[in-house]
Amino acid sequence: MEIKKGFWNGGVDVITYQIVEYKVLEPAVKTWWMARFVGTTRQGILIKSVESGHEFLIDNEHADGYCKIAGGGSPNHSHKSVDNYEIVNLDVPIEKINYRLNVDALKNDDENHMEWMRVNYPESYEKSMSLRQGLKAHLEKYK
């Protein structure tokens, strides 16, 4: 169990973190990204604020969590928060830690999640798509 020091919020907050494996439990929001993975085990990063003691978990299955930590917790790096979980392994061997960002897997997860929402929660899907289209149009103005 190796606990390392790092930063969050673009280097403003000092944190400790460790790579863990966690079991996904039922999320607070039924359409959250993690809802499709309930019962599965995934890699995550357990983070604790040195100042406040606040502890939280972010997903690292495709190394996006590691990239967030490596970037000092900058808002420029996305991550997937986990709200309901059970830690199943605090001793992930270094050779099993996901360090390389897998952009294709992240994109595939997003597409599969949106299809899952379309089928299971069509009203939420429509709202999400509307929001995404609005954001895309807004960003196009600044290209």
N, C-alpha and C. Protein backbone atom coordinates (compact mmCIF):
# COMPACT_ATOMS: atom_id res chain seq x y z
N MET A 1 0.85 -1.18 0.00
CA MET A 1 0.00 0.00 0.00
C MET A 1 0.89 1.24 0.00
N GLU A 2 1.14 1.77 -1.19
CA GLU A 2 1.99 2.94 -1.29
C GLU A 2 1.12 4.21 -1.36
N ILE A 3 1.31 5.08 -0.38
CA ILE A 3 0.60 6.36 -0.38
C ILE A 3 1.59 7.42 -0.84
N LYS A 4 1.18 8.17 -1.85
CA LYS A 4 2.04 9.21 -2.42
C LYS A 4 1.44 10.57 -2.17
N LYS A 5 2.30 11.60 -2.25
CA LYS A 5 1.82 12.97 -2.15
C LYS A 5 1.64 13.54 -3.55
N GLY A 6 0.69 14.44 -3.67
CA GLY A 6 0.42 15.08 -4.94
C GLY A 6 -0.35 16.37 -4.71
N PHE A 7 -0.98 16.85 -5.78
CA PHE A 7 -1.71 18.11 -5.73
C PHE A 7 -3.05 17.97 -6.42
N TRP A 8 -3.97 18.86 -6.05
CA TRP A 8 -5.32 18.90 -6.62
C TRP A 8 -5.65 20.36 -6.89
N ASN A 9 -6.66 20.61 -7.69
CA ASN A 9 -7.10 21.97 -8.02
C ASN A 9 -5.98 22.78 -8.66
N GLY A 10 -5.29 22.15 -9.61
CA GLY A 10 -4.23 22.85 -10.33
C GLY A 10 -3.01 23.10 -9.48
N GLY A 11 -2.79 22.28 -8.48
CA GLY A 11 -1.60 22.41 -7.65
C GLY A 11 -1.81 23.22 -6.39
N VAL A 12 -3.04 23.67 -6.14
CA VAL A 12 -3.34 24.51 -4.97
C VAL A 12 -3.43 23.67 -3.70
N ASP A 13 -4.10 22.53 -3.76
CA ASP A 13 -4.34 21.71 -2.58
C ASP A 13 -3.37 20.52 -2.54
N VAL A 14 -2.73 20.31 -1.41
CA VAL A 14 -1.86 19.15 -1.21
C VAL A 14 -2.74 17.95 -0.87
N ILE A 15 -2.44 16.82 -1.51
CA ILE A 15 -3.21 15.60 -1.29
C ILE A 15 -2.25 14.42 -1.06
N THR A 16 -2.80 13.35 -0.53
CA THR A 16 -2.16 12.05 -0.60
C THR A 16 -3.06 11.19 -1.46
N TYR A 17 -2.47 10.21 -2.13
CA TYR A 17 -3.29 9.33 -2.96
C TYR A 17 -2.67 7.94 -3.04
N GLN A 18 -3.51 6.98 -3.36
CA GLN A 18 -3.03 5.63 -3.60
C GLN A 18 -3.91 4.96 -4.64
N ILE A 19 -3.29 4.10 -5.42
CA ILE A 19 -4.01 3.34 -6.43
C ILE A 19 -4.68 2.16 -5.73
N VAL A 20 -5.96 1.96 -6.01
CA VAL A 20 -6.75 0.90 -5.37
C VAL A 20 -7.59 0.18 -6.43
N GLU A 21 -8.16 -0.93 -6.02
CA GLU A 21 -9.21 -1.56 -6.80
C GLU A 21 -10.48 -1.44 -5.96
N TYR A 22 -11.58 -1.13 -6.63
CA TYR A 22 -12.84 -0.93 -5.91
C TYR A 22 -13.97 -1.64 -6.63
N LYS A 23 -14.96 -1.99 -5.85
CA LYS A 23 -16.19 -2.57 -6.39
C LYS A 23 -17.19 -1.44 -6.53
N VAL A 24 -17.80 -1.34 -7.70
CA VAL A 24 -18.80 -0.31 -7.97
C VAL A 24 -20.12 -0.71 -7.31
N LEU A 25 -20.63 0.18 -6.48
CA LEU A 25 -21.94 -0.01 -5.85
C LEU A 25 -22.95 0.92 -6.51
N GLU A 26 -24.20 0.75 -6.18
CA GLU A 26 -25.29 1.53 -6.79
C GLU A 26 -25.04 3.03 -6.59
N PRO A 27 -25.00 3.81 -7.69
CA PRO A 27 -24.75 5.25 -7.56
C PRO A 27 -25.97 6.01 -7.05
N ALA A 28 -25.73 7.21 -6.54
CA ALA A 28 -26.81 8.07 -6.05
C ALA A 28 -27.74 8.49 -7.19
N VAL A 29 -27.18 8.67 -8.37
CA VAL A 29 -27.96 9.10 -9.54
C VAL A 29 -28.02 7.93 -10.52
N LYS A 30 -29.22 7.51 -10.87
CA LYS A 30 -29.42 6.30 -11.67
C LYS A 30 -28.80 6.36 -13.07
N THR A 31 -28.56 7.55 -13.58
CA THR A 31 -27.99 7.68 -14.93
C THR A 31 -26.50 8.01 -14.92
N TRP A 32 -25.88 8.00 -13.76
CA TRP A 32 -24.48 8.35 -13.65
C TRP A 32 -23.63 7.36 -14.44
N TRP A 33 -22.46 7.77 -14.87
CA TRP A 33 -21.58 6.95 -15.70
C TRP A 33 -21.35 5.57 -15.09
N MET A 34 -21.27 5.47 -13.79
CA MET A 34 -20.90 4.22 -13.13
C MET A 34 -22.06 3.23 -12.98
N ALA A 35 -23.29 3.65 -13.29
CA ALA A 35 -24.46 2.80 -13.11
C ALA A 35 -24.36 1.51 -13.93
N ARG A 36 -23.74 1.57 -15.08
CA ARG A 36 -23.60 0.38 -15.93
C ARG A 36 -22.59 -0.62 -15.38
N PHE A 37 -21.78 -0.20 -14.41
CA PHE A 37 -20.71 -1.05 -13.91
C PHE A 37 -20.95 -1.59 -12.50
N VAL A 38 -22.16 -1.42 -11.98
CA VAL A 38 -22.46 -1.90 -10.62
C VAL A 38 -22.10 -3.38 -10.51
N GLY A 39 -21.36 -3.70 -9.44
CA GLY A 39 -20.95 -5.07 -9.19
C GLY A 39 -19.60 -5.44 -9.76
N THR A 40 -19.05 -4.59 -10.63
CA THR A 40 -17.74 -4.88 -11.22
C THR A 40 -16.63 -4.27 -10.38
N THR A 41 -15.42 -4.77 -10.60
CA THR A 41 -14.24 -4.24 -9.93
C THR A 41 -13.44 -3.43 -10.93
N ARG A 42 -13.03 -2.23 -10.50
CA ARG A 42 -12.29 -1.31 -11.37
C ARG A 42 -11.11 -0.73 -10.60
N GLN A 43 -10.19 -0.15 -11.34
CA GLN A 43 -9.07 0.52 -10.71
C GLN A 43 -9.45 1.97 -10.43
N GLY A 44 -9.04 2.47 -9.29
CA GLY A 44 -9.34 3.85 -8.92
C GLY A 44 -8.18 4.48 -8.18
N ILE A 45 -8.33 5.75 -7.88
CA ILE A 45 -7.35 6.49 -7.09
C ILE A 45 -8.07 7.10 -5.91
N LEU A 46 -7.66 6.66 -4.73
CA LEU A 46 -8.22 7.16 -3.48
C LEU A 46 -7.42 8.40 -3.09
N ILE A 47 -8.10 9.53 -2.98
CA ILE A 47 -7.46 10.83 -2.76
C ILE A 47 -7.91 11.39 -1.42
N LYS A 48 -6.97 11.98 -0.71
CA LYS A 48 -7.30 12.60 0.58
C LYS A 48 -6.63 13.96 0.67
N SER A 49 -7.43 14.98 0.95
CA SER A 49 -6.91 16.33 1.14
C SER A 49 -6.11 16.37 2.44
N VAL A 50 -4.87 16.86 2.38
CA VAL A 50 -4.04 16.96 3.58
C VAL A 50 -4.64 18.00 4.53
N GLU A 51 -5.14 19.10 3.99
CA GLU A 51 -5.68 20.18 4.82
C GLU A 51 -7.00 19.83 5.49
N SER A 52 -7.97 19.37 4.70
CA SER A 52 -9.32 19.15 5.25
C SER A 52 -9.57 17.71 5.70
N GLY A 53 -8.78 16.76 5.17
CA GLY A 53 -9.02 15.36 5.48
C GLY A 53 -10.10 14.73 4.61
N HIS A 54 -10.71 15.53 3.73
CA HIS A 54 -11.75 15.01 2.84
C HIS A 54 -11.16 13.93 1.93
N GLU A 55 -11.85 12.79 1.85
CA GLU A 55 -11.39 11.67 1.05
C GLU A 55 -12.40 11.39 -0.05
N PHE A 56 -11.90 11.11 -1.26
CA PHE A 56 -12.79 10.78 -2.37
C PHE A 56 -12.07 9.86 -3.34
N LEU A 57 -12.84 9.27 -4.23
CA LEU A 57 -12.31 8.30 -5.18
C LEU A 57 -12.61 8.75 -6.60
N ILE A 58 -11.61 8.60 -7.48
CA ILE A 58 -11.82 8.82 -8.91
C ILE A 58 -11.45 7.54 -9.64
N ASP A 59 -12.09 7.30 -10.75
CA ASP A 59 -11.84 6.10 -11.53
C ASP A 59 -10.50 6.21 -12.26
N ASN A 60 -9.83 5.08 -12.45
CA ASN A 60 -8.57 5.05 -13.19
C ASN A 60 -8.52 3.85 -14.14
N GLU A 61 -9.66 3.35 -14.52
CA GLU A 61 -9.70 2.16 -15.38
C GLU A 61 -8.97 2.39 -16.70
N HIS A 62 -9.04 3.60 -17.23
CA HIS A 62 -8.40 3.90 -18.51
C HIS A 62 -7.31 4.96 -18.36
N ALA A 63 -6.82 5.13 -17.13
CA ALA A 63 -5.69 6.02 -16.78
C ALA A 63 -6.05 7.50 -16.79
N ASP A 64 -7.33 7.86 -16.93
CA ASP A 64 -7.70 9.27 -16.87
C ASP A 64 -7.51 9.82 -15.45
N GLY A 65 -7.71 8.98 -14.45
CA GLY A 65 -7.47 9.41 -13.07
C GLY A 65 -6.00 9.70 -12.84
N TYR A 66 -5.13 8.83 -13.34
CA TYR A 66 -3.70 9.05 -13.19
C TYR A 66 -3.27 10.33 -13.90
N CYS A 67 -3.80 10.57 -15.09
CA CYS A 67 -3.47 11.81 -15.82
C CYS A 67 -3.92 13.04 -15.03
N LYS A 68 -5.05 12.93 -14.37
CA LYS A 68 -5.54 14.04 -13.53
C LYS A 68 -4.55 14.32 -12.40
N ILE A 69 -4.10 13.27 -11.72
CA ILE A 69 -3.14 13.42 -10.63
C ILE A 69 -1.80 13.94 -11.15
N ALA A 70 -1.34 13.37 -12.27
CA ALA A 70 -0.05 13.80 -12.84
C ALA A 70 -0.09 15.27 -13.26
N GLY A 71 -1.27 15.77 -13.58
CA GLY A 71 -1.44 17.17 -13.97
C GLY A 71 -1.74 18.07 -12.78
N GLY A 72 -1.49 17.59 -11.57
CA GLY A 72 -1.70 18.41 -10.38
C GLY A 72 -3.17 18.63 -10.03
N GLY A 73 -4.04 17.74 -10.56
CA GLY A 73 -5.47 17.89 -10.29
C GLY A 73 -6.09 19.04 -11.04
N SER A 74 -5.44 19.46 -12.11
CA SER A 74 -5.91 20.61 -12.89
C SER A 74 -7.30 20.38 -13.48
N PRO A 75 -8.12 21.43 -13.50
CA PRO A 75 -9.43 21.33 -14.16
C PRO A 75 -9.31 21.05 -15.66
N ASN A 76 -8.11 21.21 -16.22
CA ASN A 76 -7.90 20.91 -17.64
C ASN A 76 -7.91 19.42 -17.93
N HIS A 77 -7.81 18.60 -16.89
CA HIS A 77 -7.83 17.14 -17.05
C HIS A 77 -9.15 16.62 -16.48
N SER A 78 -9.88 15.90 -17.32
CA SER A 78 -11.16 15.35 -16.85
C SER A 78 -10.92 14.14 -15.95
N HIS A 79 -11.95 13.77 -15.22
CA HIS A 79 -11.91 12.56 -14.39
C HIS A 79 -13.34 12.11 -14.13
N LYS A 80 -13.47 10.88 -13.64
CA LYS A 80 -14.79 10.35 -13.32
C LYS A 80 -14.83 10.09 -11.81
N SER A 81 -15.65 10.87 -11.12
CA SER A 81 -15.83 10.68 -9.69
C SER A 81 -16.65 9.43 -9.43
N VAL A 82 -16.39 8.80 -8.28
CA VAL A 82 -17.12 7.60 -7.87
C VAL A 82 -17.78 7.92 -6.53
N ASP A 83 -19.10 7.75 -6.45
CA ASP A 83 -19.79 8.16 -5.21
C ASP A 83 -20.13 7.01 -4.28
N ASN A 84 -20.17 5.79 -4.77
CA ASN A 84 -20.55 4.68 -3.91
C ASN A 84 -19.71 3.47 -4.31
N TYR A 85 -18.88 3.03 -3.38
CA TYR A 85 -17.91 1.99 -3.72
C TYR A 85 -17.48 1.24 -2.46
N GLU A 86 -16.83 0.12 -2.71
CA GLU A 86 -16.21 -0.66 -1.65
C GLU A 86 -14.77 -0.95 -2.10
N ILE A 87 -13.80 -0.54 -1.31
CA ILE A 87 -12.40 -0.82 -1.65
C ILE A 87 -12.18 -2.32 -1.47
N VAL A 88 -11.65 -2.97 -2.50
CA VAL A 88 -11.39 -4.41 -2.41
C VAL A 88 -9.90 -4.73 -2.41
N ASN A 89 -9.06 -3.76 -2.79
CA ASN A 89 -7.62 -4.01 -2.80
C ASN A 89 -6.87 -2.70 -2.63
N LEU A 90 -6.14 -2.60 -1.53
CA LEU A 90 -5.32 -1.41 -1.27
C LEU A 90 -3.87 -1.61 -1.71
N ASP A 91 -3.58 -2.75 -2.29
CA ASP A 91 -2.19 -3.09 -2.63
C ASP A 91 -2.08 -3.49 -4.09
N VAL A 92 -2.33 -2.55 -5.00
CA VAL A 92 -2.24 -2.82 -6.43
C VAL A 92 -0.76 -2.82 -6.84
N PRO A 93 -0.27 -3.92 -7.41
CA PRO A 93 1.14 -3.97 -7.81
C PRO A 93 1.43 -2.95 -8.91
N ILE A 94 2.62 -2.40 -8.87
CA ILE A 94 2.99 -1.33 -9.80
C ILE A 94 2.79 -1.73 -11.25
N GLU A 95 3.03 -2.99 -11.58
CA GLU A 95 2.90 -3.43 -12.97
C GLU A 95 1.44 -3.48 -13.43
N LYS A 96 0.49 -3.37 -12.51
CA LYS A 96 -0.93 -3.39 -12.88
C LYS A 96 -1.57 -2.01 -12.86
N ILE A 97 -0.79 -0.99 -12.51
CA ILE A 97 -1.33 0.37 -12.46
C ILE A 97 -1.48 0.92 -13.87
N ASN A 98 -2.64 1.48 -14.15
CA ASN A 98 -2.90 2.07 -15.47
C ASN A 98 -2.31 3.48 -15.53
N TYR A 99 -1.23 3.61 -16.30
CA TYR A 99 -0.53 4.89 -16.45
C TYR A 99 -0.78 5.54 -17.81
N ARG A 100 -1.06 4.74 -18.82
CA ARG A 100 -1.21 5.28 -20.18
C ARG A 100 -2.67 5.54 -20.50
N LEU A 101 -2.97 6.77 -20.82
CA LEU A 101 -4.34 7.17 -21.13
C LEU A 101 -4.83 6.42 -22.36
N ASN A 102 -5.97 5.76 -22.22
CA ASN A 102 -6.58 5.02 -23.32
C ASN A 102 -7.78 5.82 -23.83
N VAL A 103 -7.51 6.72 -24.75
CA VAL A 103 -8.53 7.62 -25.27
C VAL A 103 -9.63 6.84 -25.99
N ASP A 104 -9.26 5.81 -26.73
CA ASP A 104 -10.26 5.02 -27.45
C ASP A 104 -11.23 4.34 -26.49
N ALA A 105 -10.71 3.79 -25.39
CA ALA A 105 -11.58 3.13 -24.41
C ALA A 105 -12.49 4.15 -23.73
N LEU A 106 -11.98 5.35 -23.44
CA LEU A 106 -12.82 6.39 -22.84
C LEU A 106 -13.94 6.80 -23.79
N LYS A 107 -13.61 6.96 -25.06
CA LYS A 107 -14.61 7.32 -26.06
C LYS A 107 -15.65 6.20 -26.18
N ASN A 108 -15.19 4.96 -26.21
CA ASN A 108 -16.09 3.82 -26.29
C ASN A 108 -17.02 3.76 -25.07
N ASP A 109 -16.47 3.98 -23.88
CA ASP A 109 -17.29 4.02 -22.67
C ASP A 109 -18.37 5.08 -22.77
N ASP A 110 -17.99 6.26 -23.26
CA ASP A 110 -18.96 7.35 -23.37
C ASP A 110 -20.07 6.99 -24.37
N GLU A 111 -19.69 6.45 -25.52
CA GLU A 111 -20.69 6.07 -26.52
C GLU A 111 -21.61 4.98 -25.98
N ASN A 112 -21.04 4.00 -25.30
CA ASN A 112 -21.86 2.92 -24.73
C ASN A 112 -22.78 3.45 -23.64
N HIS A 113 -22.28 4.39 -22.86
CA HIS A 113 -23.12 4.97 -21.81
C HIS A 113 -24.30 5.74 -22.41
N MET A 114 -24.02 6.51 -23.44
CA MET A 114 -25.10 7.27 -24.07
C MET A 114 -26.14 6.34 -24.69
N GLU A 115 -25.69 5.25 -25.29
CA GLU A 115 -26.64 4.28 -25.86
C GLU A 115 -27.46 3.62 -24.74
N TRP A 116 -26.80 3.29 -23.64
CA TRP A 116 -27.48 2.71 -22.49
C TRP A 116 -28.54 3.68 -21.96
N MET A 117 -28.20 4.97 -21.88
CA MET A 117 -29.17 5.97 -21.43
C MET A 117 -30.33 6.09 -22.41
N ARG A 118 -30.01 6.08 -23.72
CA ARG A 118 -31.06 6.20 -24.74
C ARG A 118 -32.10 5.09 -24.58
N VAL A 119 -31.62 3.87 -24.32
CA VAL A 119 -32.51 2.72 -24.20
C VAL A 119 -33.25 2.72 -22.85
N ASN A 120 -32.53 2.98 -21.77
CA ASN A 120 -33.10 2.83 -20.43
C ASN A 120 -33.71 4.09 -19.83
N TYR A 121 -33.21 5.25 -20.22
CA TYR A 121 -33.68 6.53 -19.66
C TYR A 121 -33.79 7.56 -20.79
N PRO A 122 -34.74 7.36 -21.72
CA PRO A 122 -34.82 8.22 -22.91
C PRO A 122 -34.97 9.71 -22.60
N GLU A 123 -35.69 10.05 -21.55
CA GLU A 123 -35.86 11.47 -21.22
C GLU A 123 -34.52 12.08 -20.78
N SER A 124 -33.79 11.39 -19.97
CA SER A 124 -32.47 11.87 -19.54
C SER A 124 -31.50 11.92 -20.71
N TYR A 125 -31.61 10.94 -21.60
CA TYR A 125 -30.77 10.93 -22.80
C TYR A 125 -31.02 12.18 -23.64
N GLU A 126 -32.28 12.50 -23.87
CA GLU A 126 -32.62 13.69 -24.68
C GLU A 126 -32.07 14.96 -24.04
N LYS A 127 -32.19 15.08 -22.72
CA LYS A 127 -31.66 16.25 -22.02
C LYS A 127 -30.14 16.32 -22.16
N SER A 128 -29.49 15.18 -22.02
CA SER A 128 -28.02 15.14 -22.14
C SER A 128 -27.57 15.52 -23.54
N MET A 129 -28.26 14.99 -24.53
CA MET A 129 -27.90 15.30 -25.92
C MET A 129 -28.13 16.78 -26.22
N SER A 130 -29.19 17.33 -25.70
CA SER A 130 -29.47 18.75 -25.90
C SER A 130 -28.36 19.60 -25.27
N LEU A 131 -27.96 19.24 -24.07
CA LEU A 131 -26.88 19.95 -23.40
C LEU A 131 -25.59 19.83 -24.18
N ARG A 132 -25.26 18.63 -24.63
CA ARG A 132 -24.03 18.43 -25.41
C ARG A 132 -24.03 19.24 -26.69
N GLN A 133 -25.16 19.26 -27.39
CA GLN A 133 -25.25 20.03 -28.64
C GLN A 133 -25.10 21.53 -28.37
N GLY A 134 -25.70 21.99 -27.27
CA GLY A 134 -25.57 23.40 -26.91
C GLY A 134 -24.13 23.77 -26.57
N LEU A 135 -23.46 22.92 -25.84
CA LEU A 135 -22.05 23.18 -25.50
C LEU A 135 -21.18 23.15 -26.74
N LYS A 136 -21.44 22.19 -27.64
CA LYS A 136 -20.66 22.11 -28.87
C LYS A 136 -20.84 23.37 -29.71
N ALA A 137 -22.06 23.84 -29.83
CA ALA A 137 -22.34 25.07 -30.59
C ALA A 137 -21.64 26.26 -29.95
N HIS A 138 -21.67 26.32 -28.63
CA HIS A 138 -21.01 27.40 -27.91
C HIS A 138 -19.50 27.38 -28.16
N LEU A 139 -18.90 26.22 -28.10
CA LEU A 139 -17.45 26.09 -28.31
C LEU A 139 -17.05 26.42 -29.74
N GLU A 140 -17.92 26.13 -30.70
CA GLU A 140 -17.64 26.42 -32.10
C GLU A 140 -17.41 27.91 -32.33
N LYS A 141 -18.05 28.74 -31.51
CA LYS A 141 -17.90 30.19 -31.64
C LYS A 141 -16.48 30.65 -31.37
N TYR A 142 -15.74 29.86 -30.60
CA TYR A 142 -14.41 30.27 -30.17
C TYR A 142 -13.28 29.60 -30.93
N LYS A 143 -13.61 28.92 -32.01
CA LYS A 143 -12.56 28.27 -32.84
C LYS A 143 -11.96 29.25 -33.79
